Amino acid sequence: MLEKHLKRIKKAESGLTEEDEWEEIPTLGQKLEDQIIAEVPDRSVIIERINKKNLDAYEEDAPKVKDAFSNTAQYTNLVRQYVEEKKSGFDKFKKDYERFDKEISILNPPKQEIKFDLNKFDYKEIKVTKLKQGLVKLETEREEIKNNLIHFKNQINQAQSEYDFKVEQIDDIELELHRLEKKEALQNKIKTEQEAIDIIKKELARGGDLNESRRIFRTVNVLVDLVNEKNKVTLNELNSVKAELRELQKKYVEVMSKLK
């Protein structure tokens, strides 16, 4: 850093009037007095250089440089990511466009011109070379048509496999949904029956013939055990069906994966 110091005395602080200033101005041939020279203000300029150590300069400027570098790197990564996403989308579009053009060209093959008709040909003028050329051309065209048929058959089989798999998934979900609805309804029914049984027990315990109440109470307990056993059997059957469906689904997935 450079600092500049000018030691000047303002006019108001000097106490001199304009007349005094005019008197002090030397005229032609007049010599300056020592007093005037001594009173000339000091107009020296002091230049000071502050030397900083490399470590201090680094610690002062490093945060700014790191922040600027971090912002630049982050912006560069965002731009690179954006460009890669656009390039990936463009490559996919280009690939789909080429595949579409190829399939359209397969569906619209060029018309083949018939160079000759064997039925109308004079067998005396038939040449072996010409027949061989025509045969090779027809075989090539046949192979192209055969390859196109294989290509579309593979696409149809793949689409059919995906369709069958989706149908199986829908059936499994519908079956699971039906099972859960039935289970929920059964649980609600059990809850309702249990509440009714509890009410009967309370009524029997309130009063009346003690022996008769005990007899009826034992009968109700037997009915409760029968209902619980029946519900338990039903739940076990549902769980068994569910396990079998899972096994079938697993086998179906394995078969489909082998076919693909």
Protein backbone atom coordinates (compact mmCIF):
# COMPACT_ATOMS: atom_id res chain seq x y z
CA MET A 1 0.00 0.00 0.00
CA LEU A 2 1.17 3.54 -0.76
CA GLU A 3 0.40 6.45 1.53
CA LYS A 4 0.88 10.12 0.66
CA HIS A 5 1.30 12.77 3.37
CA LEU A 6 1.25 16.49 2.46
CA LYS A 7 1.92 18.81 5.41
CA ARG A 8 0.07 21.95 4.46
CA ILE A 9 -0.97 24.92 6.61
CA LYS A 10 -4.35 26.32 5.81
CA LYS A 11 -4.73 30.03 5.19
CA ALA A 12 -7.09 30.53 8.14
CA GLU A 13 -4.59 28.87 10.50
CA SER A 14 -1.56 30.95 9.39
CA GLY A 15 -2.95 34.28 10.67
CA LEU A 16 -1.71 36.19 7.61
CA THR A 17 -3.77 38.74 5.73
CA GLU A 18 -3.72 39.37 2.01
CA GLU A 19 -1.55 42.45 2.49
CA ASP A 20 1.02 40.44 4.45
CA GLU A 21 1.11 37.89 1.64
CA TRP A 22 1.68 40.56 -0.97
CA GLU A 23 4.50 42.01 1.09
CA GLU A 24 6.21 38.66 1.35
CA ILE A 25 6.16 38.08 -2.40
CA PRO A 26 9.61 39.06 -3.68
CA THR A 27 9.88 41.48 -6.55
CA LEU A 28 12.43 41.63 -9.32
CA GLY A 29 15.90 42.01 -7.86
CA GLN A 30 14.74 41.50 -4.27
CA LYS A 31 16.34 38.72 -2.24
CA LEU A 32 14.43 36.27 -0.16
CA GLU A 33 14.99 36.52 3.55
CA ASP A 34 15.95 33.49 5.57
CA GLN A 35 12.77 33.79 7.59
CA ILE A 36 10.61 33.41 4.52
CA ILE A 37 12.57 30.40 3.40
CA ALA A 38 12.31 28.86 6.80
CA GLU A 39 8.56 29.32 6.84
CA VAL A 40 8.01 27.42 3.60
CA PRO A 41 5.72 24.50 4.54
CA ASP A 42 7.03 21.00 4.34
CA ARG A 43 5.67 19.36 1.20
CA SER A 44 7.50 16.10 1.43
CA VAL A 45 5.88 12.87 0.14
CA ILE A 46 6.45 9.70 2.12
CA ILE A 47 6.03 6.42 0.22
CA GLU A 48 5.67 3.38 2.41
CA ARG A 49 5.51 -0.20 1.13
CA ILE A 50 3.90 -2.80 3.34
CA ASN A 51 5.56 -6.12 2.71
CA LYS A 52 3.37 -9.14 3.28
CA LYS A 53 4.59 -12.63 3.83
CA ASN A 54 3.56 -15.27 1.30
CA LEU A 55 1.63 -17.19 3.95
CA ASP A 56 -0.35 -14.09 4.98
CA ALA A 57 -1.17 -13.26 1.37
CA TYR A 58 -2.27 -16.87 0.78
CA GLU A 59 -4.50 -16.95 3.86
CA GLU A 60 -6.11 -13.67 2.83
CA ASP A 61 -6.78 -14.51 -0.80
CA ALA A 62 -7.31 -18.28 -0.55
CA PRO A 63 -10.99 -18.16 0.56
CA LYS A 64 -11.92 -15.91 -2.36
CA VAL A 65 -10.08 -18.07 -4.85
CA LYS A 66 -11.58 -21.28 -3.42
CA ASP A 67 -15.08 -19.83 -3.52
CA ALA A 68 -14.68 -18.70 -7.11
CA PHE A 69 -13.21 -22.07 -8.09
CA SER A 70 -16.03 -23.95 -6.33
CA ASN A 71 -18.69 -21.90 -8.12
CA THR A 72 -16.98 -22.46 -11.45
CA ALA A 73 -16.64 -26.21 -10.86
CA GLN A 74 -20.27 -26.50 -9.79
CA TYR A 75 -21.44 -24.60 -12.87
CA THR A 76 -19.24 -26.77 -15.07
CA ASN A 77 -20.72 -29.95 -13.58
CA LEU A 78 -24.26 -28.67 -14.12
CA VAL A 79 -23.50 -27.79 -17.73
CA ARG A 80 -21.85 -31.19 -18.31
CA GLN A 81 -24.81 -33.02 -16.77
CA TYR A 82 -27.26 -31.02 -18.88
CA VAL A 83 -25.30 -31.73 -22.07
CA GLU A 84 -25.07 -35.47 -21.25
CA GLU A 85 -28.83 -35.68 -20.65
CA LYS A 86 -29.55 -33.92 -23.95
CA LYS A 87 -27.06 -36.14 -25.79
CA SER A 88 -28.59 -39.29 -24.28
CA GLY A 89 -32.05 -38.17 -25.32
CA PHE A 90 -30.84 -37.33 -28.81
CA ASP A 91 -29.08 -40.70 -29.19
CA LYS A 92 -32.25 -42.51 -28.11
CA PHE A 93 -34.35 -40.47 -30.54
CA LYS A 94 -31.87 -41.16 -33.35
CA LYS A 95 -31.88 -44.89 -32.61
CA ASP A 96 -35.68 -45.05 -32.50
CA TYR A 97 -35.88 -43.00 -35.71
CA GLU A 98 -33.51 -45.36 -37.55
CA ARG A 99 -35.38 -48.43 -36.26
CA PHE A 100 -38.68 -46.90 -37.36
CA ASP A 101 -37.34 -46.16 -40.85
CA LYS A 102 -36.03 -49.71 -41.10
CA GLU A 103 -39.34 -51.26 -40.11
CA ILE A 104 -41.23 -48.99 -42.49
CA SER A 105 -38.91 -50.01 -45.33
CA ILE A 106 -39.50 -53.65 -44.44
CA LEU A 107 -43.25 -53.17 -44.57
CA ASN A 108 -42.98 -51.40 -47.94
CA PRO A 109 -40.55 -53.51 -49.99
CA PRO A 110 -39.72 -52.33 -53.52
CA LYS A 111 -41.70 -53.86 -56.31
CA GLN A 112 -39.82 -56.61 -58.08
CA GLU A 113 -39.77 -56.46 -61.83
CA ILE A 114 -40.23 -59.79 -63.58
CA LYS A 115 -37.50 -60.07 -66.13
CA PHE A 116 -38.82 -63.19 -67.72
CA ASP A 117 -41.69 -65.61 -67.59
CA LEU A 118 -40.78 -69.27 -67.86
CA ASN A 119 -44.21 -70.13 -69.24
CA LYS A 120 -43.74 -67.75 -72.14
CA PHE A 121 -40.08 -68.48 -72.69
CA ASP A 122 -38.77 -70.29 -75.68
CA TYR A 123 -36.78 -73.12 -74.17
CA LYS A 124 -34.55 -73.17 -77.19
CA GLU A 125 -33.31 -69.66 -76.31
CA ILE A 126 -32.93 -70.22 -72.56
CA LYS A 127 -29.36 -69.83 -71.35
CA VAL A 128 -28.03 -71.51 -68.23
CA THR A 129 -26.13 -68.41 -67.12
CA LYS A 130 -29.19 -66.22 -67.29
CA LEU A 131 -31.29 -68.74 -65.35
CA LYS A 132 -28.62 -69.01 -62.66
CA GLN A 133 -28.52 -65.22 -62.25
CA GLY A 134 -32.29 -65.07 -61.92
CA LEU A 135 -32.25 -67.94 -59.44
CA VAL A 136 -29.62 -66.27 -57.23
CA LYS A 137 -31.57 -63.02 -57.22
CA LEU A 138 -34.81 -64.75 -56.26
CA GLU A 139 -33.10 -66.71 -53.48
CA THR A 140 -31.60 -63.50 -52.07
CA GLU A 141 -34.99 -61.81 -52.06
CA ARG A 142 -36.51 -64.88 -50.43
CA GLU A 143 -33.93 -64.77 -47.60
CA GLU A 144 -34.60 -61.08 -47.04
CA ILE A 145 -38.34 -61.72 -46.75
CA LYS A 146 -37.66 -64.66 -44.44
CA ASN A 147 -35.47 -62.51 -42.16
CA ASN A 148 -38.17 -59.84 -42.06
CA LEU A 149 -40.75 -62.44 -41.07
CA ILE A 150 -38.48 -63.75 -38.30
CA HIS A 151 -37.91 -60.20 -37.04
CA PHE A 152 -41.61 -59.41 -36.80
CA LYS A 153 -42.42 -62.80 -35.33
CA ASN A 154 -39.89 -62.18 -32.57
CA GLN A 155 -41.46 -58.82 -31.87
CA ILE A 156 -44.92 -60.38 -31.79
CA ASN A 157 -43.74 -63.13 -29.44
CA GLN A 158 -42.08 -60.61 -27.15
CA ALA A 159 -45.21 -58.45 -27.07
CA GLN A 160 -47.35 -61.54 -26.42
CA SER A 161 -45.08 -62.60 -23.54
CA GLU A 162 -45.29 -59.14 -21.98
CA TYR A 163 -49.06 -59.15 -22.42
CA ASP A 164 -49.41 -62.59 -20.79
CA PHE A 165 -47.20 -61.51 -17.90
CA LYS A 166 -49.32 -58.41 -17.31
CA VAL A 167 -52.47 -60.54 -17.39
CA GLU A 168 -50.96 -62.87 -14.79
CA GLN A 169 -50.01 -59.91 -12.61
CA ILE A 170 -53.53 -58.49 -12.82
CA ASP A 171 -55.06 -61.87 -11.96
CA ASP A 172 -52.73 -62.28 -8.98
CA ILE A 173 -53.57 -58.80 -7.67
CA GLU A 174 -57.28 -59.36 -8.11
CA LEU A 175 -57.05 -62.72 -6.34
CA GLU A 176 -55.01 -61.21 -3.50
CA LEU A 177 -57.48 -58.35 -3.23
CA HIS A 178 -60.39 -60.80 -3.07
CA ARG A 179 -58.57 -62.80 -0.38
CA LEU A 180 -57.87 -59.70 1.71
CA GLU A 181 -61.47 -58.52 1.40
CA LYS A 182 -62.71 -61.95 2.47
CA LYS A 183 -60.26 -62.04 5.35
CA GLU A 184 -61.28 -58.58 6.50
CA ALA A 185 -64.97 -59.51 6.33
CA LEU A 186 -64.24 -62.69 8.27
CA GLN A 187 -62.36 -60.76 10.95
CA ASN A 188 -65.24 -58.33 11.28
CA LYS A 189 -67.65 -61.25 11.57
CA ILE A 190 -65.53 -62.87 14.29
CA LYS A 191 -65.41 -59.60 16.16
CA THR A 192 -69.20 -59.26 15.95
CA GLU A 193 -69.77 -62.85 17.11
CA GLN A 194 -67.36 -62.39 20.00
CA GLU A 195 -69.21 -59.25 21.11
CA ALA A 196 -72.54 -61.14 21.01
CA ILE A 197 -71.07 -63.98 23.06
CA ASP A 198 -69.70 -61.55 25.64
CA ILE A 199 -73.13 -59.93 25.99
CA ILE A 200 -74.76 -63.35 26.55
CA LYS A 201 -72.21 -64.18 29.21
CA LYS A 202 -72.84 -60.93 31.05
CA GLU A 203 -76.62 -61.45 30.98
CA LEU A 204 -76.26 -64.99 32.34
CA ALA A 205 -73.98 -63.80 35.14
CA ARG A 206 -76.44 -61.13 36.35
CA GLY A 207 -78.99 -63.36 38.00
CA GLY A 208 -81.45 -66.19 37.76
CA ASP A 209 -80.98 -69.84 38.53
CA LEU A 210 -77.28 -70.38 39.16
CA ASN A 211 -77.23 -74.00 37.93
CA GLU A 212 -79.18 -73.13 34.79
CA SER A 213 -76.89 -70.20 34.12
CA ARG A 214 -73.84 -72.42 34.45
CA ARG A 215 -75.32 -74.98 32.08
CA ILE A 216 -76.11 -72.34 29.46
CA PHE A 217 -72.69 -70.79 30.03
CA ARG A 218 -70.99 -74.13 29.27
CA THR A 219 -73.09 -74.48 26.11
CA VAL A 220 -72.09 -71.02 24.96
CA ASN A 221 -68.41 -71.88 25.54
CA VAL A 222 -68.79 -74.99 23.37
CA LEU A 223 -70.33 -72.88 20.61
CA VAL A 224 -67.47 -70.39 20.91
CA ASP A 225 -64.92 -73.17 20.53
CA LEU A 226 -66.73 -74.50 17.45
CA VAL A 227 -66.86 -71.05 15.86
CA ASN A 228 -63.19 -70.40 16.59
CA GLU A 229 -62.21 -73.78 15.16
CA LYS A 230 -64.25 -73.13 12.02
CA ASN A 231 -62.70 -69.71 11.54
CA LYS A 232 -59.24 -71.16 12.13
CA VAL A 233 -59.80 -73.79 9.45
CA THR A 234 -61.01 -71.12 7.02
CA LEU A 235 -57.92 -68.97 7.64
CA ASN A 236 -55.65 -71.97 7.20
CA GLU A 237 -57.30 -72.78 3.89
CA LEU A 238 -56.85 -69.21 2.70
CA ASN A 239 -53.17 -69.22 3.69
CA SER A 240 -52.66 -72.54 1.91
CA VAL A 241 -54.23 -71.21 -1.31
CA LYS A 242 -52.09 -68.10 -1.06
CA ALA A 243 -48.90 -70.19 -0.71
CA GLU A 244 -49.84 -72.29 -3.74
CA LEU A 245 -50.44 -69.14 -5.79
CA ARG A 246 -47.05 -67.79 -4.83
CA GLU A 247 -45.38 -71.00 -5.94
CA LEU A 248 -47.22 -70.92 -9.26
CA GLN A 249 -46.25 -67.30 -9.78
CA LYS A 250 -42.60 -68.10 -9.04
CA LYS A 251 -42.61 -70.98 -11.54
CA TYR A 252 -44.26 -68.78 -14.16
CA VAL A 253 -41.59 -66.11 -13.77
CA GLU A 254 -38.84 -68.74 -14.10
CA VAL A 255 -40.39 -70.15 -17.27
CA MET A 256 -40.80 -66.68 -18.81
CA SER A 257 -37.21 -65.76 -18.01
CA LYS A 258 -35.97 -68.95 -19.72
CA LEU A 259 -38.06 -68.22 -22.80
CA LYS A 260 -36.63 -64.70 -23.08
